[in-house]
PDB file of N, CA and C in Angstrom:
ATOM      1  N   MET A   1     -14.965  26.889  54.610  1.00  0.00           N
ATOM      2  CA  MET A   1     -14.831  25.960  53.256  1.00  0.00           C
ATOM      3  C   MET A   1     -13.212  27.086  52.653  1.00  0.00           C
ATOM      4  N   ASN A   2     -12.648  26.680  52.241  1.00  0.00           N
ATOM      5  CA  ASN A   2     -11.763  27.292  51.471  1.00  0.00           C
ATOM      6  C   ASN A   2     -11.756  27.438  49.870  1.00  0.00           C
ATOM      7  N   ILE A   3     -11.193  28.022  49.662  1.00  0.00           N
ATOM      8  CA  ILE A   3     -10.950  28.551  47.902  1.00  0.00           C
ATOM      9  C   ILE A   3     -10.949  27.288  46.942  1.00  0.00           C
ATOM     10  N   SER A   4     -10.190  26.202  47.147  1.00  0.00           N
ATOM     11  CA  SER A   4     -10.115  24.982  46.720  1.00  0.00           C
ATOM     12  C   SER A   4     -11.769  24.236  46.454  1.00  0.00           C
ATOM     13  N   ASP A   5     -12.115  24.017  47.750  1.00  0.00           N
ATOM     14  CA  ASP A   5     -13.517  23.504  47.894  1.00  0.00           C
ATOM     15  C   ASP A   5     -14.369  24.223  47.088  1.00  0.00           C
ATOM     16  N   LEU A   6     -14.107  25.487  47.068  1.00  0.00           N
ATOM     17  CA  LEU A   6     -15.452  26.364  46.200  1.00  0.00           C
ATOM     18  C   LEU A   6     -15.058  25.805  44.675  1.00  0.00           C
ATOM     19  N   LEU A   7     -13.922  25.828  44.297  1.00  0.00           N
ATOM     20  CA  LEU A   7     -13.411  25.530  42.810  1.00  0.00           C
ATOM     21  C   LEU A   7     -14.108  24.071  42.353  1.00  0.00           C
ATOM     22  N   ILE A   8     -13.728  23.423  43.489  1.00  0.00           N
ATOM     23  CA  ILE A   8     -14.387  21.944  43.139  1.00  0.00           C
ATOM     24  C   ILE A   8     -15.849  21.905  42.813  1.00  0.00           C
ATOM     25  N   LEU A   9     -16.476  22.601  44.212  1.00  0.00           N
ATOM     26  CA  LEU A   9     -18.001  22.821  43.637  1.00  0.00           C
ATOM     27  C   LEU A   9     -18.470  23.619  42.431  1.00  0.00           C
ATOM     28  N   ALA A  10     -17.851  24.247  42.074  1.00  0.00           N
ATOM     29  CA  ALA A  10     -18.157  25.156  40.962  1.00  0.00           C
ATOM     30  C   ALA A  10     -17.831  24.099  39.520  1.00  0.00           C
ATOM     31  N   GLN A  11     -17.086  23.251  39.501  1.00  0.00           N
ATOM     32  CA  GLN A  11     -16.523  22.771  38.453  1.00  0.00           C
ATOM     33  C   GLN A  11     -17.638  21.547  38.445  1.00  0.00           C
ATOM     34  N   ALA A  12     -18.168  21.225  39.582  1.00  0.00           N
ATOM     35  CA  ALA A  12     -19.346  20.309  39.610  1.00  0.00           C
ATOM     36  C   ALA A  12     -20.723  20.518  39.251  1.00  0.00           C
ATOM     37  N   ALA A  13     -20.946  21.597  39.623  1.00  0.00           N
ATOM     38  CA  ALA A  13     -21.966  22.597  39.424  1.00  0.00           C
ATOM     39  C   ALA A  13     -22.342  22.917  37.635  1.00  0.00           C
ATOM     40  N   ALA A  14     -21.320  23.305  36.951  1.00  0.00           N
ATOM     41  CA  ALA A  14     -21.192  23.669  35.719  1.00  0.00           C
ATOM     42  C   ALA A  14     -21.158  22.401  35.006  1.00  0.00           C
ATOM     43  N   PRO A  15     -22.395  22.466  33.802  1.00  0.00           N
ATOM     44  CA  PRO A  15     -22.579  21.197  33.267  1.00  0.00           C
ATOM     45  C   PRO A  15     -21.336  20.861  32.154  1.00  0.00           C
ATOM     46  N   ALA A  16     -21.073  19.877  31.732  1.00  0.00           N
ATOM     47  CA  ALA A  16     -19.870  19.741  30.977  1.00  0.00           C
ATOM     48  C   ALA A  16     -20.390  19.957  29.399  1.00  0.00           C
ATOM     49  N   GLN A  17     -19.644  20.602  28.610  1.00  0.00           N
ATOM     50  CA  GLN A  17     -20.126  20.791  27.112  1.00  0.00           C
ATOM     51  C   GLN A  17     -19.562  19.969  26.572  1.00  0.00           C
ATOM     52  N   GLN A  18     -20.262  19.447  25.805  1.00  0.00           N
ATOM     53  CA  GLN A  18     -19.594  18.279  24.953  1.00  0.00           C
ATOM     54  C   GLN A  18     -19.146  18.648  23.486  1.00  0.00           C
ATOM     55  N   PRO A  19     -18.306  18.687  22.570  1.00  0.00           N
ATOM     56  CA  PRO A  19     -18.066  19.216  21.305  1.00  0.00           C
ATOM     57  C   PRO A  19     -18.777  19.046  20.438  1.00  0.00           C
ATOM     58  N   ASN A  20     -18.988  20.290  19.478  1.00  0.00           N
ATOM     59  CA  ASN A  20     -20.044  19.928  18.142  1.00  0.00           C
ATOM     60  C   ASN A  20     -19.436  18.799  17.353  1.00  0.00           C
ATOM     61  N   ILE A  21     -20.313  17.856  17.018  1.00  0.00           N
ATOM     62  CA  ILE A  21     -19.726  16.887  16.092  1.00  0.00           C
ATOM     63  C   ILE A  21     -19.219  17.293  15.029  1.00  0.00           C
ATOM     64  N   PHE A  22     -19.806  18.292  14.135  1.00  0.00           N
ATOM     65  CA  PHE A  22     -18.936  18.774  12.717  1.00  0.00           C
ATOM     66  C   PHE A  22     -17.444  19.206  13.238  1.00  0.00           C
ATOM     67  N   VAL A  23     -17.405  19.769  14.463  1.00  0.00           N
ATOM     68  CA  VAL A  23     -16.010  19.969  14.535  1.00  0.00           C
ATOM     69  C   VAL A  23     -14.935  19.013  15.006  1.00  0.00           C
ATOM     70  N   SER A  24     -15.980  18.059  15.542  1.00  0.00           N
ATOM     71  CA  SER A  24     -14.865  16.870  15.444  1.00  0.00           C
ATOM     72  C   SER A  24     -14.594  16.053  14.475  1.00  0.00           C
ATOM     73  N   MET A  25     -15.486  16.247  13.585  1.00  0.00           N
ATOM     74  CA  MET A  25     -15.370  15.452  12.282  1.00  0.00           C
ATOM     75  C   MET A  25     -14.559  16.183  11.048  1.00  0.00           C
ATOM     76  N   MET A  26     -14.113  17.272  11.127  1.00  0.00           N
ATOM     77  CA  MET A  26     -13.601  18.282  10.605  1.00  0.00           C
ATOM     78  C   MET A  26     -11.998  17.670  10.059  1.00  0.00           C
ATOM     79  N   PRO A  27     -11.361  16.869  11.326  1.00  0.00           N
ATOM     80  CA  PRO A  27      -9.793  16.673  10.810  1.00  0.00           C
ATOM     81  C   PRO A  27     -10.100  15.191   9.899  1.00  0.00           C
ATOM     82  N   LEU A  28     -10.949  14.279   9.801  1.00  0.00           N
ATOM     83  CA  LEU A  28     -11.233  13.085   9.146  1.00  0.00           C
ATOM     84  C   LEU A  28     -11.954  13.542   7.652  1.00  0.00           C
ATOM     85  N   VAL A  29     -12.335  14.757   7.672  1.00  0.00           N
ATOM     86  CA  VAL A  29     -13.239  15.139   6.335  1.00  0.00           C
ATOM     87  C   VAL A  29     -11.881  15.593   5.314  1.00  0.00           C
ATOM     88  N   PHE A  30     -10.997  16.434   6.328  1.00  0.00           N
ATOM     89  CA  PHE A  30      -9.805  17.342   5.876  1.00  0.00           C
ATOM     90  C   PHE A  30      -8.943  16.193   5.338  1.00  0.00           C
ATOM     91  N   ILE A  31      -8.400  15.092   6.023  1.00  0.00           N
ATOM     92  CA  ILE A  31      -7.779  14.053   5.679  1.00  0.00           C
ATOM     93  C   ILE A  31      -8.196  13.429   4.245  1.00  0.00           C
ATOM     94  N   PHE A  32      -9.600  13.049   3.988  1.00  0.00           N
ATOM     95  CA  PHE A  32     -10.289  12.598   3.121  1.00  0.00           C
ATOM     96  C   PHE A  32     -10.039  13.429   1.795  1.00  0.00           C
ATOM     97  N   VAL A  33     -10.071  14.755   2.018  1.00  0.00           N
ATOM     98  CA  VAL A  33     -10.003  15.545   1.059  1.00  0.00           C
ATOM     99  C   VAL A  33      -8.589  15.332   0.625  1.00  0.00           C
ATOM    100  N   ILE A  34      -7.612  15.765   1.359  1.00  0.00           N
ATOM    101  CA  ILE A  34      -6.244  15.383   1.015  1.00  0.00           C
ATOM    102  C   ILE A  34      -5.972  14.097   0.488  1.00  0.00           C
ATOM    103  N   PHE A  35      -6.290  12.923   0.520  1.00  0.00           N
ATOM    104  CA  PHE A  35      -6.331  11.839   0.072  1.00  0.00           C
ATOM    105  C   PHE A  35      -6.870  11.738  -1.393  1.00  0.00           C
ATOM    106  N   TYR A  36      -8.039  12.595  -1.608  1.00  0.00           N
ATOM    107  CA  TYR A  36      -8.853  12.425  -2.802  1.00  0.00           C
ATOM    108  C   TYR A  36      -7.596  13.238  -3.708  1.00  0.00           C
ATOM    109  N   PHE A  37      -7.335  14.644  -3.495  1.00  0.00           N
ATOM    110  CA  PHE A  37      -6.685  14.918  -4.569  1.00  0.00           C
ATOM    111  C   PHE A  37      -4.915  14.700  -4.683  1.00  0.00           C
ATOM    112  N   LEU A  38      -4.360  13.931  -3.628  1.00  0.00           N
ATOM    113  CA  LEU A  38      -3.200  13.622  -4.040  1.00  0.00           C
ATOM    114  C   LEU A  38      -2.702  11.957  -4.082  1.00  0.00           C
ATOM    115  N   LEU A  39      -4.290  11.223  -3.994  1.00  0.00           N
ATOM    116  CA  LEU A  39      -3.973   9.900  -4.336  1.00  0.00           C
ATOM    117  C   LEU A  39      -4.895   9.224  -5.409  1.00  0.00           C
ATOM    118  N   ILE A  40      -6.193   9.898  -5.196  1.00  0.00           N
ATOM    119  CA  ILE A  40      -7.347   9.274  -6.086  1.00  0.00           C
ATOM    120  C   ILE A  40      -7.349   9.727  -7.235  1.00  0.00           C
ATOM    121  N   ARG A  41      -7.607  11.120  -7.327  1.00  0.00           N
ATOM    122  CA  ARG A  41      -7.704  11.844  -8.587  1.00  0.00           C
ATOM    123  C   ARG A  41      -6.616  11.797  -9.367  1.00  0.00           C
ATOM    124  N   PRO A  42      -5.458  11.673  -9.303  1.00  0.00           N
ATOM    125  CA  PRO A  42      -4.280  11.345 -10.246  1.00  0.00           C
ATOM    126  C   PRO A  42      -4.445   9.976 -10.729  1.00  0.00           C
ATOM    127  N   GLN A  43      -4.799   8.937  -9.836  1.00  0.00           N
ATOM    128  CA  GLN A  43      -4.892   7.718 -10.501  1.00  0.00           C
ATOM    129  C   GLN A  43      -5.891   7.563 -11.272  1.00  0.00           C
ATOM    130  N   GLN A  44      -7.055   8.113 -11.187  1.00  0.00           N
ATOM    131  CA  GLN A  44      -8.375   8.158 -12.475  1.00  0.00           C
ATOM    132  C   GLN A  44      -7.784   8.640 -13.876  1.00  0.00           C
ATOM    133  N   LYS A  45      -7.138   9.455 -13.355  1.00  0.00           N
ATOM    134  CA  LYS A  45      -6.623  10.608 -14.653  1.00  0.00           C
ATOM    135  C   LYS A  45      -5.735   9.797 -15.460  1.00  0.00           C
ATOM    136  N   LYS A  46      -4.577   9.178 -14.745  1.00  0.00           N
ATOM    137  CA  LYS A  46      -3.800   7.851 -15.116  1.00  0.00           C
ATOM    138  C   LYS A  46      -4.762   7.119 -15.986  1.00  0.00           C
ATOM    139  N   GLN A  47      -5.715   6.320 -15.245  1.00  0.00           N
ATOM    140  CA  GLN A  47      -6.347   5.488 -15.726  1.00  0.00           C
ATOM    141  C   GLN A  47      -7.067   6.064 -16.953  1.00  0.00           C
ATOM    142  N   LYS A  48      -7.805   7.021 -17.224  1.00  0.00           N
ATOM    143  CA  LYS A  48      -8.487   7.381 -18.275  1.00  0.00           C
ATOM    144  C   LYS A  48      -7.431   7.665 -19.440  1.00  0.00           C
ATOM    145  N   ASP A  49      -6.197   8.210 -19.480  1.00  0.00           N
ATOM    146  CA  ASP A  49      -5.480   8.267 -20.283  1.00  0.00           C
ATOM    147  C   ASP A  49      -4.733   7.014 -20.973  1.00  0.00           C
ATOM    148  N   HIS A  50      -4.839   6.072 -20.091  1.00  0.00           N
ATOM    149  CA  HIS A  50      -4.375   4.916 -20.411  1.00  0.00           C
ATOM    150  C   HIS A  50      -5.434   3.784 -21.270  1.00  0.00           C
ATOM    151  N   ASP A  51      -6.656   4.056 -20.819  1.00  0.00           N
ATOM    152  CA  ASP A  51      -7.827   3.563 -21.543  1.00  0.00           C
ATOM    153  C   ASP A  51      -7.915   4.167 -22.944  1.00  0.00           C
ATOM    154  N   LYS A  52      -7.701   5.500 -23.083  1.00  0.00           N
ATOM    155  CA  LYS A  52      -7.764   6.191 -24.371  1.00  0.00           C
ATOM    156  C   LYS A  52      -6.654   5.939 -25.460  1.00  0.00           C
ATOM    157  N   LEU A  53      -5.381   5.762 -24.780  1.00  0.00           N
ATOM    158  CA  LEU A  53      -4.186   5.114 -25.251  1.00  0.00           C
ATOM    159  C   LEU A  53      -4.625   3.753 -25.971  1.00  0.00           C
ATOM    160  N   VAL A  54      -4.976   2.988 -25.254  1.00  0.00           N
ATOM    161  CA  VAL A  54      -5.553   1.359 -25.561  1.00  0.00           C
ATOM    162  C   VAL A  54      -6.479   1.631 -26.592  1.00  0.00           C
ATOM    163  N   LYS A  55      -7.669   2.389 -26.696  1.00  0.00           N
ATOM    164  CA  LYS A  55      -8.583   2.300 -27.501  1.00  0.00           C
ATOM    165  C   LYS A  55      -7.997   3.011 -28.743  1.00  0.00           C
ATOM    166  N   SER A  56      -7.070   3.575 -28.973  1.00  0.00           N
ATOM    167  CA  SER A  56      -6.492   4.444 -30.153  1.00  0.00           C
ATOM    168  C   SER A  56      -5.400   3.691 -30.727  1.00  0.00           C
ATOM    169  N   VAL A  57      -5.081   2.778 -30.510  1.00  0.00           N
ATOM    170  CA  VAL A  57      -3.916   1.912 -31.089  1.00  0.00           C
ATOM    171  C   VAL A  57      -4.451   0.982 -32.620  1.00  0.00           C
ATOM    172  N   LYS A  58      -3.472   1.177 -33.549  1.00  0.00           N
ATOM    173  CA  LYS A  58      -3.990   0.793 -34.818  1.00  0.00           C
ATOM    174  C   LYS A  58      -2.907  -0.144 -35.381  1.00  0.00           C
ATOM    175  N   THR A  59      -3.244  -0.987 -36.624  1.00  0.00           N
ATOM    176  CA  THR A  59      -2.185  -1.488 -37.159  1.00  0.00           C
ATOM    177  C   THR A  59      -0.881  -0.686 -37.399  1.00  0.00           C
ATOM    178  N   GLY A  60       0.408  -0.973 -37.648  1.00  0.00           N
ATOM    179  CA  GLY A  60       1.551  -0.043 -37.998  1.00  0.00           C
ATOM    180  C   GLY A  60       2.181   0.563 -36.836  1.00  0.00           C
ATOM    181  N   ASP A  61       1.502   0.554 -35.304  1.00  0.00           N
ATOM    182  CA  ASP A  61       1.987   1.550 -34.403  1.00  0.00           C
ATOM    183  C   ASP A  61       3.210   0.765 -33.748  1.00  0.00           C
ATOM    184  N   GLN A  62       4.092   1.163 -33.531  1.00  0.00           N
ATOM    185  CA  GLN A  62       5.202   0.845 -32.435  1.00  0.00           C
ATOM    186  C   GLN A  62       4.604   1.047 -31.281  1.00  0.00           C
ATOM    187  N   VAL A  63       4.836  -0.255 -30.320  1.00  0.00           N
ATOM    188  CA  VAL A  63       4.476  -0.489 -28.803  1.00  0.00           C
ATOM    189  C   VAL A  63       5.454  -0.859 -28.036  1.00  0.00           C
ATOM    190  N   VAL A  64       5.213  -0.333 -26.684  1.00  0.00           N
ATOM    191  CA  VAL A  64       5.902  -1.222 -25.628  1.00  0.00           C
ATOM    192  C   VAL A  64       4.876  -1.799 -24.680  1.00  0.00           C
ATOM    193  N   THR A  65       5.013  -3.048 -24.443  1.00  0.00           N
ATOM    194  CA  THR A  65       4.063  -3.835 -23.362  1.00  0.00           C
ATOM    195  C   THR A  65       4.488  -3.509 -22.016  1.00  0.00           C
ATOM    196  N   ASN A  66       3.749  -4.035 -21.184  1.00  0.00           N
ATOM    197  CA  ASN A  66       3.955  -4.020 -19.868  1.00  0.00           C
ATOM    198  C   ASN A  66       5.187  -4.947 -19.718  1.00  0.00           C
ATOM    199  N   ALA A  67       5.393  -6.163 -20.220  1.00  0.00           N
ATOM    200  CA  ALA A  67       6.378  -6.727 -19.971  1.00  0.00           C
ATOM    201  C   ALA A  67       7.775  -6.163 -20.680  1.00  0.00           C
ATOM    202  N   GLY A  68       7.563  -5.148 -20.947  1.00  0.00           N
ATOM    203  CA  GLY A  68       8.831  -4.625 -21.801  1.00  0.00           C
ATOM    204  C   GLY A  68       9.196  -5.030 -23.329  1.00  0.00           C
ATOM    205  N   ILE A  69       8.361  -5.737 -23.929  1.00  0.00           N
ATOM    206  CA  ILE A  69       8.378  -6.312 -25.114  1.00  0.00           C
ATOM    207  C   ILE A  69       8.110  -5.192 -26.113  1.00  0.00           C
ATOM    208  N   HIS A  70       9.219  -4.876 -27.348  1.00  0.00           N
ATOM    209  CA  HIS A  70       8.877  -3.668 -28.120  1.00  0.00           C
ATOM    210  C   HIS A  70       8.408  -4.380 -29.606  1.00  0.00           C
ATOM    211  N   GLY A  71       7.556  -3.758 -30.238  1.00  0.00           N
ATOM    212  CA  GLY A  71       7.153  -4.604 -31.382  1.00  0.00           C
ATOM    213  C   GLY A  71       6.348  -3.555 -32.246  1.00  0.00           C
ATOM    214  N   THR A  72       5.712  -4.251 -33.402  1.00  0.00           N
ATOM    215  CA  THR A  72       4.787  -3.294 -34.276  1.00  0.00           C
ATOM    216  C   THR A  72       3.467  -3.875 -34.104  1.00  0.00           C
ATOM    217  N   ILE A  73       2.374  -3.339 -34.172  1.00  0.00           N
ATOM    218  CA  ILE A  73       1.056  -4.003 -34.139  1.00  0.00           C
ATOM    219  C   ILE A  73       0.590  -4.368 -35.754  1.00  0.00           C
ATOM    220  N   SER A  74       0.188  -5.790 -35.758  1.00  0.00           N
ATOM    221  CA  SER A  74       0.317  -6.154 -36.935  1.00  0.00           C
ATOM    222  C   SER A  74      -1.180  -6.495 -37.083  1.00  0.00           C
ATOM    223  N   ASN A  75      -2.124  -6.413 -36.158  1.00  0.00           N
ATOM    224  CA  ASN A  75      -3.573  -6.701 -36.491  1.00  0.00           C
ATOM    225  C   ASN A  75      -4.274  -6.544 -35.011  1.00  0.00           C
ATOM    226  N   VAL A  76      -5.041  -5.343 -35.274  1.00  0.00           N
ATOM    227  CA  VAL A  76      -5.894  -5.417 -33.931  1.00  0.00           C
ATOM    228  C   VAL A  76      -7.448  -6.022 -33.958  1.00  0.00           C
ATOM    229  N   LYS A  77      -7.615  -6.547 -33.016  1.00  0.00           N
ATOM    230  CA  LYS A  77      -8.965  -7.284 -32.645  1.00  0.00           C
ATOM    231  C   LYS A  77      -9.724  -6.641 -31.814  1.00  0.00           C
ATOM    232  N   GLU A  78     -10.980  -7.186 -31.394  1.00  0.00           N
ATOM    233  CA  GLU A  78     -11.797  -6.391 -30.286  1.00  0.00           C
ATOM    234  C   GLU A  78     -11.088  -6.088 -28.795  1.00  0.00           C
ATOM    235  N   THR A  79     -10.795  -7.358 -28.372  1.00  0.00           N
ATOM    236  CA  THR A  79      -9.700  -7.422 -26.679  1.00  0.00           C
ATOM    237  C   THR A  79      -8.414  -7.356 -26.945  1.00  0.00           C
ATOM    238  N   THR A  80      -7.839  -7.750 -28.160  1.00  0.00           N
ATOM    239  CA  THR A  80      -6.218  -8.450 -28.235  1.00  0.00           C
ATOM    240  C   THR A  80      -5.623  -7.556 -29.132  1.00  0.00           C
ATOM    241  N   VAL A  81      -4.374  -7.639 -29.288  1.00  0.00           N
ATOM    242  CA  VAL A  81      -3.750  -6.842 -30.339  1.00  0.00           C
ATOM    243  C   VAL A  81      -2.565  -8.137 -30.835  1.00  0.00           C
ATOM    244  N   ILE A  82      -1.989  -8.213 -31.841  1.00  0.00           N
ATOM    245  CA  ILE A  82      -0.913  -9.310 -32.510  1.00  0.00           C
ATOM    246  C   ILE A  82       0.323  -8.171 -32.493  1.00  0.00           C
ATOM    247  N   ILE A  83       1.021  -8.546 -32.063  1.00  0.00           N
ATOM    248  CA  ILE A  83       2.114  -7.836 -31.954  1.00  0.00           C
ATOM    249  C   ILE A  83       3.514  -8.532 -32.782  1.00  0.00           C
ATOM    250  N   LYS A  84       3.892  -7.894 -33.792  1.00  0.00           N
ATOM    251  CA  LYS A  84       4.940  -8.522 -34.520  1.00  0.00           C
ATOM    252  C   LYS A  84       6.579  -7.942 -33.737  1.00  0.00           C
ATOM    253  N   ILE A  85       7.219  -8.901 -33.031  1.00  0.00           N
ATOM    254  CA  ILE A  85       8.240  -8.946 -32.457  1.00  0.00           C
ATOM    255  C   ILE A  85       9.786  -8.943 -33.582  1.00  0.00           C
ATOM    256  N   ALA A  86       9.708 -10.220 -34.245  1.00  0.00           N
ATOM    257  CA  ALA A  86      10.713 -10.263 -35.152  1.00  0.00           C
ATOM    258  C   ALA A  86       9.961 -10.779 -36.469  1.00  0.00           C
ATOM    259  N   ASP A  87      10.939 -11.017 -37.552  1.00  0.00           N
ATOM    260  CA  ASP A  87      10.396 -11.509 -38.570  1.00  0.00           C
ATOM    261  C   ASP A  87       9.783 -13.156 -38.167  1.00  0.00           C
ATOM    262  N   ASN A  88       8.896 -13.107 -38.740  1.00  0.00           N
ATOM    263  CA  ASN A  88       7.823 -14.539 -38.307  1.00  0.00           C
ATOM    264  C   ASN A  88       7.366 -14.719 -36.886  1.00  0.00           C
ATOM    265  N   VAL A  89       8.016 -13.837 -36.073  1.00  0.00           N
ATOM    266  CA  VAL A  89       7.493 -13.729 -34.693  1.00  0.00           C
ATOM    267  C   VAL A  89       6.249 -12.913 -34.328  1.00  0.00           C
ATOM    268  N   LYS A  90       5.186 -13.312 -34.118  1.00  0.00           N
ATOM    269  CA  LYS A  90       4.067 -12.757 -33.567  1.00  0.00           C
ATOM    270  C   LYS A  90       3.439 -13.152 -32.395  1.00  0.00           C
ATOM    271  N   VAL A  91       3.064 -12.388 -31.538  1.00  0.00           N
ATOM    272  CA  VAL A  91       2.344 -12.722 -30.376  1.00  0.00           C
ATOM    273  C   VAL A  91       1.278 -11.797 -30.000  1.00  0.00           C
ATOM    274  N   GLU A  92       0.269 -12.602 -29.353  1.00  0.00           N
ATOM    275  CA  GLU A  92      -1.108 -12.051 -29.103  1.00  0.00           C
ATOM    276  C   GLU A  92      -1.155 -11.479 -27.830  1.00  0.00           C
ATOM    277  N   PHE A  93      -1.441 -10.113 -27.698  1.00  0.00           N
ATOM    278  CA  PHE A  93      -1.383  -9.452 -26.352  1.00  0.00           C
ATOM    279  C   PHE A  93      -2.768  -9.235 -25.867  1.00  0.00           C
ATOM    280  N   ASP A  94      -3.181  -8.771 -24.568  1.00  0.00           N
ATOM    281  CA  ASP A  94      -4.272  -8.199 -24.251  1.00  0.00           C
ATOM    282  C   ASP A  94      -4.207  -6.654 -24.704  1.00  0.00           C
ATOM    283  N   ARG A  95      -5.166  -5.967 -24.872  1.00  0.00           N
ATOM    284  CA  ARG A  95      -5.093  -4.531 -25.132  1.00  0.00           C
ATOM    285  C   ARG A  95      -4.311  -3.663 -24.174  1.00  0.00           C
ATOM    286  N   ALA A  96      -4.989  -4.186 -22.790  1.00  0.00           N
ATOM    287  CA  ALA A  96      -4.505  -3.748 -21.653  1.00  0.00           C
ATOM    288  C   ALA A  96      -2.900  -3.777 -21.347  1.00  0.00           C
ATOM    289  N   ALA A  97      -2.074  -4.736 -22.151  1.00  0.00           N
ATOM    290  CA  ALA A  97      -1.059  -4.868 -21.980  1.00  0.00           C
ATOM    291  C   ALA A  97      -0.041  -3.818 -22.262  1.00  0.00           C
ATOM    292  N   ILE A  98      -0.761  -3.090 -23.226  1.00  0.00           N
ATOM    293  CA  ILE A  98       0.193  -2.006 -23.838  1.00  0.00           C
ATOM    294  C   ILE A  98       0.206  -0.901 -22.858  1.00  0.00           C
ATOM    295  N   ALA A  99       1.631  -0.723 -22.863  1.00  0.00           N
ATOM    296  CA  ALA A  99       1.951   0.220 -21.840  1.00  0.00           C
ATOM    297  C   ALA A  99       2.306   1.693 -22.498  1.00  0.00           C
ATOM    298  N   ALA A 100       2.671   1.753 -23.870  1.00  0.00           N
ATOM    299  CA  ALA A 100       3.171   2.919 -24.511  1.00  0.00           C
ATOM    300  C   ALA A 100       3.098   2.723 -25.823  1.00  0.00           C
ATOM    301  N   VAL A 101       2.602   3.922 -26.579  1.00  0.00           N
ATOM    302  CA  VAL A 101       2.917   3.684 -28.025  1.00  0.00           C
ATOM    303  C   VAL A 101       4.112   4.804 -28.421  1.00  0.00           C
ATOM    304  N   GLU A 102       5.271   3.935 -28.913  1.00  0.00           N
ATOM    305  CA  GLU A 102       6.623   4.738 -29.656  1.00  0.00           C
ATOM    306  C   GLU A 102       6.498   5.740 -30.383  1.00  0.00           C
ATOM    307  N   LYS A 103       5.793   5.059 -31.715  1.00  0.00           N
ATOM    308  CA  LYS A 103       5.580   5.559 -32.756  1.00  0.00           C
ATOM    309  C   LYS A 103       4.417   5.213 -33.740  1.00  0.00           C
ATOM    310  N   SER A 104       3.681   6.281 -33.576  1.00  0.00           N
ATOM    311  CA  SER A 104       2.309   6.111 -34.601  1.00  0.00           C
ATOM    312  C   SER A 104       2.276   5.535 -35.906  1.00  0.00           C
ATOM    313  N   ALA A 105       1.447   4.657 -36.437  1.00  0.00           N
ATOM    314  CA  ALA A 105       1.810   4.443 -37.957  1.00  0.00           C
ATOM    315  C   ALA A 105       1.289   6.174 -38.747  1.00  0.00           C
ATOM    316  N   ASP A 106       0.608   6.875 -38.512  1.00  0.00           N
ATOM    317  CA  ASP A 106       0.522   8.272 -39.075  1.00  0.00           C
ATOM    318  C   ASP A 106       1.678   9.239 -38.955  1.00  0.00           C
ATOM    319  N   ALA A 107       2.482   8.703 -37.906  1.00  0.00           N
ATOM    320  CA  ALA A 107       3.994   9.752 -37.897  1.00  0.00           C
ATOM    321  C   ALA A 107       5.230   9.295 -39.184  1.00  0.00           C
TER     322      ALA A 107
END
C-alpha cells in the first residue's frame, strides 16, 4: 500500500460533518436585516409622516398635489379636500393626493 491509498481510506472512514443549520442561515438573516434597515424601515417612516401630514391639513393651507397642482384648501371633508386652484375654479381631491403643504393657514 502506498500513501495515496491510505489517504483515500482515511477519508472514506471519517464521517462527513454537515454544517450547522444556524451557520448556513446566517447570510440570509444578515441580508434580511440589511434590507429592513435600508429599505423597509425608511419607507414605513415616510408613510407615517405622510399620513400625519394628510390628517393635519385644514382650510386655508396652501398645498401641492401629487399631480403638481398648487392651490389653497377651501373645504376639508372626511376622505377628500376641495382645493381652490384659481378664481371660481375648485377641484375635489382625495386626501392621499396631497404631496406637501407649502404654507399653513396658521403661519
